Amino acid sequence: MFIATAYAMGAPGGAAGAPAGGGASGLIMMAVIFAIFYFILIRPQQKKMKEHKKMVDDLKRGDEIITGGGIYGTVEGVAPDTLTVKIAEGTKVKITRGSVAHVITEGSEKPKE
């Protein structure tokens, strides 16, 4: 009697560890999850990075900027990788281009997004 009960509790169809939907459904599910991550996380981040790079590449002498650390200044000198920024009378600092967070538009204190 015990043996008959043990066989009755076994996996159906004799497949001891096969997934219920087959291997294709797992692959399709992984592709769907990747697509969701791409359109929700990766693509918007790439777009934001492209806009920031364009903003930094378009900087010129006289532009008013806000650095990532919150310092307001005016661009005094432009080099390929760095900027010289005047933050007060007689005070200039050299910063990397990537540390520029915003460019201030004329007549407003709001950062240009």
N, C-alpha and C. Protein backbone atom coordinates (compact mmCIF):
# COMPACT_ATOMS: atom_id res chain seq x y z
N MET A 1 0.82 -1.18 0.00
CA MET A 1 0.00 0.00 0.00
C MET A 1 0.87 1.26 0.00
N PHE A 2 1.94 1.27 0.77
CA PHE A 2 2.83 2.44 0.85
C PHE A 2 3.46 2.75 -0.50
N ILE A 3 3.87 1.75 -1.28
CA ILE A 3 4.50 1.96 -2.58
C ILE A 3 3.51 2.61 -3.54
N ALA A 4 2.28 2.18 -3.58
CA ALA A 4 1.27 2.76 -4.47
C ALA A 4 1.05 4.23 -4.14
N THR A 5 1.05 4.58 -2.86
CA THR A 5 0.88 5.97 -2.46
C THR A 5 2.08 6.80 -2.88
N ALA A 6 3.27 6.28 -2.78
CA ALA A 6 4.48 7.00 -3.17
C ALA A 6 4.49 7.28 -4.66
N TYR A 7 4.09 6.32 -5.47
CA TYR A 7 4.02 6.55 -6.91
C TYR A 7 2.93 7.57 -7.25
N ALA A 8 1.87 7.57 -6.53
CA ALA A 8 0.78 8.51 -6.77
C ALA A 8 1.20 9.94 -6.48
N MET A 9 2.17 10.16 -5.59
CA MET A 9 2.62 11.50 -5.22
C MET A 9 3.75 12.00 -6.11
N GLY A 10 4.20 11.19 -7.06
CA GLY A 10 5.31 11.57 -7.93
C GLY A 10 4.91 12.66 -8.91
N ALA A 11 5.89 13.15 -9.69
CA ALA A 11 5.65 14.20 -10.68
C ALA A 11 4.78 13.66 -11.81
N PRO A 12 3.87 14.45 -12.33
CA PRO A 12 3.00 13.98 -13.39
C PRO A 12 3.78 13.77 -14.69
N GLY A 13 3.44 12.76 -15.43
CA GLY A 13 4.05 12.52 -16.72
C GLY A 13 5.47 12.01 -16.65
N GLY A 14 5.98 11.74 -15.51
CA GLY A 14 7.32 11.21 -15.38
C GLY A 14 8.42 12.26 -15.46
N ALA A 15 8.11 13.53 -15.62
CA ALA A 15 9.12 14.59 -15.69
C ALA A 15 9.39 15.06 -14.28
N ALA A 16 10.57 14.80 -13.78
CA ALA A 16 10.87 15.04 -12.38
C ALA A 16 11.26 16.48 -12.07
N GLY A 17 11.67 17.29 -13.00
CA GLY A 17 12.07 18.65 -12.65
C GLY A 17 11.82 19.62 -13.78
N ALA A 18 11.06 19.24 -14.76
CA ALA A 18 10.81 20.10 -15.92
C ALA A 18 9.88 21.24 -15.53
N PRO A 19 10.15 22.45 -16.04
CA PRO A 19 9.24 23.57 -15.76
C PRO A 19 7.89 23.33 -16.41
N ALA A 20 6.85 23.89 -15.81
CA ALA A 20 5.49 23.63 -16.27
C ALA A 20 5.25 24.21 -17.67
N GLY A 21 5.85 25.36 -18.00
CA GLY A 21 5.57 25.99 -19.29
C GLY A 21 6.64 25.75 -20.33
N GLY A 22 7.64 25.01 -20.04
CA GLY A 22 8.72 24.80 -20.99
C GLY A 22 9.78 25.89 -20.88
N GLY A 23 10.85 25.75 -21.61
CA GLY A 23 11.96 26.70 -21.55
C GLY A 23 11.70 27.99 -22.29
N ALA A 24 10.82 27.98 -23.28
CA ALA A 24 10.56 29.16 -24.08
C ALA A 24 9.87 30.26 -23.28
N SER A 25 8.98 29.89 -22.39
CA SER A 25 8.27 30.91 -21.63
C SER A 25 9.21 31.66 -20.69
N GLY A 26 10.19 30.98 -20.13
CA GLY A 26 11.16 31.64 -19.27
C GLY A 26 12.02 32.62 -20.06
N LEU A 27 12.38 32.26 -21.27
CA LEU A 27 13.18 33.15 -22.12
C LEU A 27 12.38 34.37 -22.54
N ILE A 28 11.12 34.15 -22.87
CA ILE A 28 10.25 35.27 -23.26
C ILE A 28 10.06 36.22 -22.08
N MET A 29 9.88 35.68 -20.89
CA MET A 29 9.70 36.51 -19.70
C MET A 29 10.95 37.35 -19.42
N MET A 30 12.13 36.77 -19.59
CA MET A 30 13.38 37.53 -19.40
C MET A 30 13.48 38.67 -20.41
N ALA A 31 13.08 38.41 -21.67
CA ALA A 31 13.12 39.45 -22.70
C ALA A 31 12.15 40.58 -22.36
N VAL A 32 10.97 40.24 -21.86
CA VAL A 32 9.99 41.26 -21.48
C VAL A 32 10.52 42.10 -20.33
N ILE A 33 11.12 41.49 -19.35
CA ILE A 33 11.68 42.22 -18.20
C ILE A 33 12.80 43.15 -18.66
N PHE A 34 13.67 42.68 -19.55
CA PHE A 34 14.74 43.52 -20.07
C PHE A 34 14.17 44.71 -20.83
N ALA A 35 13.13 44.49 -21.65
CA ALA A 35 12.51 45.58 -22.40
C ALA A 35 11.92 46.63 -21.46
N ILE A 36 11.29 46.18 -20.40
CA ILE A 36 10.72 47.12 -19.42
C ILE A 36 11.82 47.95 -18.79
N PHE A 37 12.91 47.31 -18.35
CA PHE A 37 14.03 48.04 -17.76
C PHE A 37 14.64 49.02 -18.76
N TYR A 38 14.74 48.61 -20.02
CA TYR A 38 15.34 49.49 -21.03
C TYR A 38 14.51 50.76 -21.20
N PHE A 39 13.20 50.61 -21.37
CA PHE A 39 12.37 51.78 -21.65
C PHE A 39 12.08 52.62 -20.41
N ILE A 40 12.16 52.05 -19.21
CA ILE A 40 11.87 52.82 -18.01
C ILE A 40 13.13 53.41 -17.38
N LEU A 41 14.26 52.70 -17.45
CA LEU A 41 15.46 53.16 -16.76
C LEU A 41 16.60 53.58 -17.69
N ILE A 42 16.98 52.71 -18.59
CA ILE A 42 18.20 52.93 -19.37
C ILE A 42 18.03 54.04 -20.40
N ARG A 43 16.97 54.00 -21.18
CA ARG A 43 16.78 54.97 -22.25
C ARG A 43 16.65 56.41 -21.73
N PRO A 44 15.83 56.68 -20.71
CA PRO A 44 15.75 58.05 -20.19
C PRO A 44 17.09 58.56 -19.63
N GLN A 45 17.86 57.66 -19.00
CA GLN A 45 19.15 58.07 -18.46
C GLN A 45 20.11 58.43 -19.59
N GLN A 46 20.11 57.67 -20.68
CA GLN A 46 20.97 57.99 -21.81
C GLN A 46 20.57 59.32 -22.44
N LYS A 47 19.28 59.59 -22.52
CA LYS A 47 18.79 60.85 -23.07
C LYS A 47 19.25 62.03 -22.21
N LYS A 48 19.14 61.87 -20.89
CA LYS A 48 19.57 62.92 -19.97
C LYS A 48 21.08 63.17 -20.08
N MET A 49 21.85 62.10 -20.20
CA MET A 49 23.30 62.25 -20.34
C MET A 49 23.66 62.97 -21.64
N LYS A 50 22.94 62.67 -22.71
CA LYS A 50 23.20 63.31 -24.00
C LYS A 50 22.89 64.80 -23.93
N GLU A 51 21.78 65.17 -23.27
CA GLU A 51 21.43 66.59 -23.11
C GLU A 51 22.46 67.33 -22.27
N HIS A 52 22.94 66.69 -21.19
CA HIS A 52 23.96 67.32 -20.34
C HIS A 52 25.26 67.52 -21.11
N LYS A 53 25.66 66.53 -21.90
CA LYS A 53 26.89 66.66 -22.69
C LYS A 53 26.77 67.80 -23.70
N LYS A 54 25.61 67.94 -24.34
CA LYS A 54 25.40 69.04 -25.30
C LYS A 54 25.47 70.38 -24.58
N MET A 55 24.85 70.48 -23.39
CA MET A 55 24.87 71.72 -22.62
C MET A 55 26.31 72.09 -22.26
N VAL A 56 27.09 71.12 -21.82
CA VAL A 56 28.47 71.39 -21.42
C VAL A 56 29.33 71.74 -22.62
N ASP A 57 29.11 71.08 -23.75
CA ASP A 57 29.89 71.37 -24.95
C ASP A 57 29.59 72.76 -25.51
N ASP A 58 28.38 73.28 -25.26
CA ASP A 58 27.98 74.59 -25.78
C ASP A 58 28.39 75.75 -24.87
N LEU A 59 29.06 75.48 -23.75
CA LEU A 59 29.47 76.56 -22.85
C LEU A 59 30.49 77.47 -23.53
N LYS A 60 30.35 78.76 -23.26
CA LYS A 60 31.30 79.74 -23.80
C LYS A 60 31.59 80.80 -22.76
N ARG A 61 32.56 81.62 -23.03
CA ARG A 61 32.96 82.67 -22.10
C ARG A 61 31.78 83.60 -21.85
N GLY A 62 31.52 83.92 -20.59
CA GLY A 62 30.44 84.83 -20.22
C GLY A 62 29.17 84.13 -19.77
N ASP A 63 29.06 82.82 -19.98
CA ASP A 63 27.88 82.08 -19.52
C ASP A 63 27.87 82.01 -18.00
N GLU A 64 26.70 82.18 -17.42
CA GLU A 64 26.54 82.03 -15.98
C GLU A 64 26.10 80.61 -15.71
N ILE A 65 26.77 79.97 -14.75
CA ILE A 65 26.52 78.55 -14.48
C ILE A 65 26.30 78.29 -13.00
N ILE A 66 25.79 77.11 -12.71
CA ILE A 66 25.71 76.59 -11.35
C ILE A 66 26.43 75.26 -11.38
N THR A 67 27.38 75.07 -10.47
CA THR A 67 28.11 73.81 -10.43
C THR A 67 27.30 72.76 -9.67
N GLY A 68 27.76 71.53 -9.73
CA GLY A 68 27.11 70.45 -9.01
C GLY A 68 27.13 70.66 -7.51
N GLY A 69 28.08 71.43 -7.02
CA GLY A 69 28.17 71.74 -5.59
C GLY A 69 27.35 72.95 -5.19
N GLY A 70 26.67 73.59 -6.16
CA GLY A 70 25.81 74.71 -5.85
C GLY A 70 26.49 76.07 -5.94
N ILE A 71 27.66 76.16 -6.53
CA ILE A 71 28.37 77.43 -6.65
C ILE A 71 27.94 78.13 -7.93
N TYR A 72 27.53 79.40 -7.79
CA TYR A 72 27.19 80.22 -8.95
C TYR A 72 28.46 80.89 -9.44
N GLY A 73 28.61 81.00 -10.75
CA GLY A 73 29.78 81.66 -11.30
C GLY A 73 29.59 82.00 -12.75
N THR A 74 30.60 82.69 -13.29
CA THR A 74 30.61 83.10 -14.69
C THR A 74 31.83 82.48 -15.35
N VAL A 75 31.63 81.89 -16.50
CA VAL A 75 32.73 81.24 -17.22
C VAL A 75 33.67 82.32 -17.74
N GLU A 76 34.94 82.24 -17.36
CA GLU A 76 35.96 83.19 -17.80
C GLU A 76 36.90 82.58 -18.84
N GLY A 77 37.13 81.29 -18.76
CA GLY A 77 38.02 80.63 -19.70
C GLY A 77 37.52 79.23 -20.01
N VAL A 78 37.74 78.82 -21.27
CA VAL A 78 37.26 77.51 -21.70
C VAL A 78 38.45 76.71 -22.24
N ALA A 79 38.64 75.51 -21.72
CA ALA A 79 39.66 74.58 -22.21
C ALA A 79 38.93 73.29 -22.57
N PRO A 80 39.60 72.37 -23.25
CA PRO A 80 38.92 71.14 -23.67
C PRO A 80 38.28 70.35 -22.51
N ASP A 81 38.95 70.26 -21.37
CA ASP A 81 38.42 69.46 -20.26
C ASP A 81 38.02 70.28 -19.05
N THR A 82 38.44 71.54 -18.99
CA THR A 82 38.20 72.35 -17.79
C THR A 82 37.62 73.71 -18.16
N LEU A 83 37.09 74.37 -17.14
CA LEU A 83 36.59 75.73 -17.26
C LEU A 83 37.19 76.57 -16.15
N THR A 84 37.49 77.81 -16.43
CA THR A 84 37.87 78.75 -15.39
C THR A 84 36.64 79.58 -15.08
N VAL A 85 36.22 79.56 -13.82
CA VAL A 85 34.96 80.19 -13.42
C VAL A 85 35.25 81.27 -12.39
N LYS A 86 34.70 82.44 -12.64
CA LYS A 86 34.81 83.56 -11.70
C LYS A 86 33.64 83.46 -10.75
N ILE A 87 33.96 83.27 -9.44
CA ILE A 87 32.88 83.13 -8.46
C ILE A 87 32.73 84.37 -7.58
N ALA A 88 33.73 85.25 -7.59
CA ALA A 88 33.67 86.52 -6.85
C ALA A 88 34.74 87.43 -7.45
N GLU A 89 34.70 88.71 -7.08
CA GLU A 89 35.72 89.63 -7.56
C GLU A 89 37.10 89.15 -7.13
N GLY A 90 37.96 88.91 -8.08
CA GLY A 90 39.32 88.47 -7.78
C GLY A 90 39.43 86.98 -7.43
N THR A 91 38.35 86.22 -7.54
CA THR A 91 38.40 84.80 -7.21
C THR A 91 37.95 83.98 -8.41
N LYS A 92 38.89 83.20 -8.92
CA LYS A 92 38.59 82.31 -10.05
C LYS A 92 38.97 80.90 -9.65
N VAL A 93 38.17 79.95 -10.07
CA VAL A 93 38.46 78.55 -9.81
C VAL A 93 38.44 77.79 -11.13
N LYS A 94 39.19 76.71 -11.14
CA LYS A 94 39.21 75.85 -12.32
C LYS A 94 38.41 74.60 -11.98
N ILE A 95 37.42 74.28 -12.82
CA ILE A 95 36.56 73.12 -12.59
C ILE A 95 36.53 72.25 -13.85
N THR A 96 36.13 71.02 -13.67
CA THR A 96 35.94 70.15 -14.82
C THR A 96 34.60 70.48 -15.48
N ARG A 97 34.52 70.23 -16.75
CA ARG A 97 33.28 70.53 -17.47
C ARG A 97 32.10 69.71 -16.94
N GLY A 98 32.36 68.49 -16.53
CA GLY A 98 31.30 67.62 -16.05
C GLY A 98 30.66 68.07 -14.76
N SER A 99 31.31 68.97 -14.02
CA SER A 99 30.74 69.40 -12.75
C SER A 99 29.73 70.54 -12.91
N VAL A 100 29.49 70.98 -14.14
CA VAL A 100 28.48 72.02 -14.38
C VAL A 100 27.11 71.36 -14.33
N ALA A 101 26.25 71.87 -13.47
CA ALA A 101 24.91 71.30 -13.33
C ALA A 101 23.88 72.02 -14.20
N HIS A 102 23.94 73.35 -14.24
CA HIS A 102 22.95 74.13 -14.98
C HIS A 102 23.60 75.36 -15.58
N VAL A 103 22.98 75.85 -16.64
CA VAL A 103 23.34 77.14 -17.22
C VAL A 103 22.18 78.07 -16.91
N ILE A 104 22.49 79.25 -16.35
CA ILE A 104 21.45 80.21 -15.99
C ILE A 104 21.12 81.03 -17.22
N THR A 105 19.83 81.10 -17.55
CA THR A 105 19.41 81.89 -18.70
C THR A 105 19.36 83.36 -18.32
N GLU A 106 19.39 84.22 -19.31
CA GLU A 106 19.40 85.66 -19.06
C GLU A 106 18.10 86.11 -18.41
N GLY A 107 18.22 86.95 -17.40
CA GLY A 107 17.06 87.54 -16.76
C GLY A 107 16.33 86.65 -15.77
N SER A 108 16.88 85.49 -15.47
CA SER A 108 16.20 84.63 -14.52
C SER A 108 17.23 83.92 -13.66
N GLU A 109 16.80 83.50 -12.51
CA GLU A 109 17.65 82.72 -11.60
C GLU A 109 17.32 81.24 -11.68
N LYS A 110 16.36 80.86 -12.53
CA LYS A 110 15.98 79.46 -12.64
C LYS A 110 16.98 78.75 -13.54
N PRO A 111 17.42 77.57 -13.14
CA PRO A 111 18.31 76.79 -14.00
C PRO A 111 17.60 76.35 -15.27
N LYS A 112 18.35 76.35 -16.37
CA LYS A 112 17.82 75.84 -17.63
C LYS A 112 17.86 74.33 -17.60
N GLU A 113 16.74 73.69 -17.77
CA GLU A 113 16.67 72.21 -17.69
C GLU A 113 17.02 71.61 -19.02
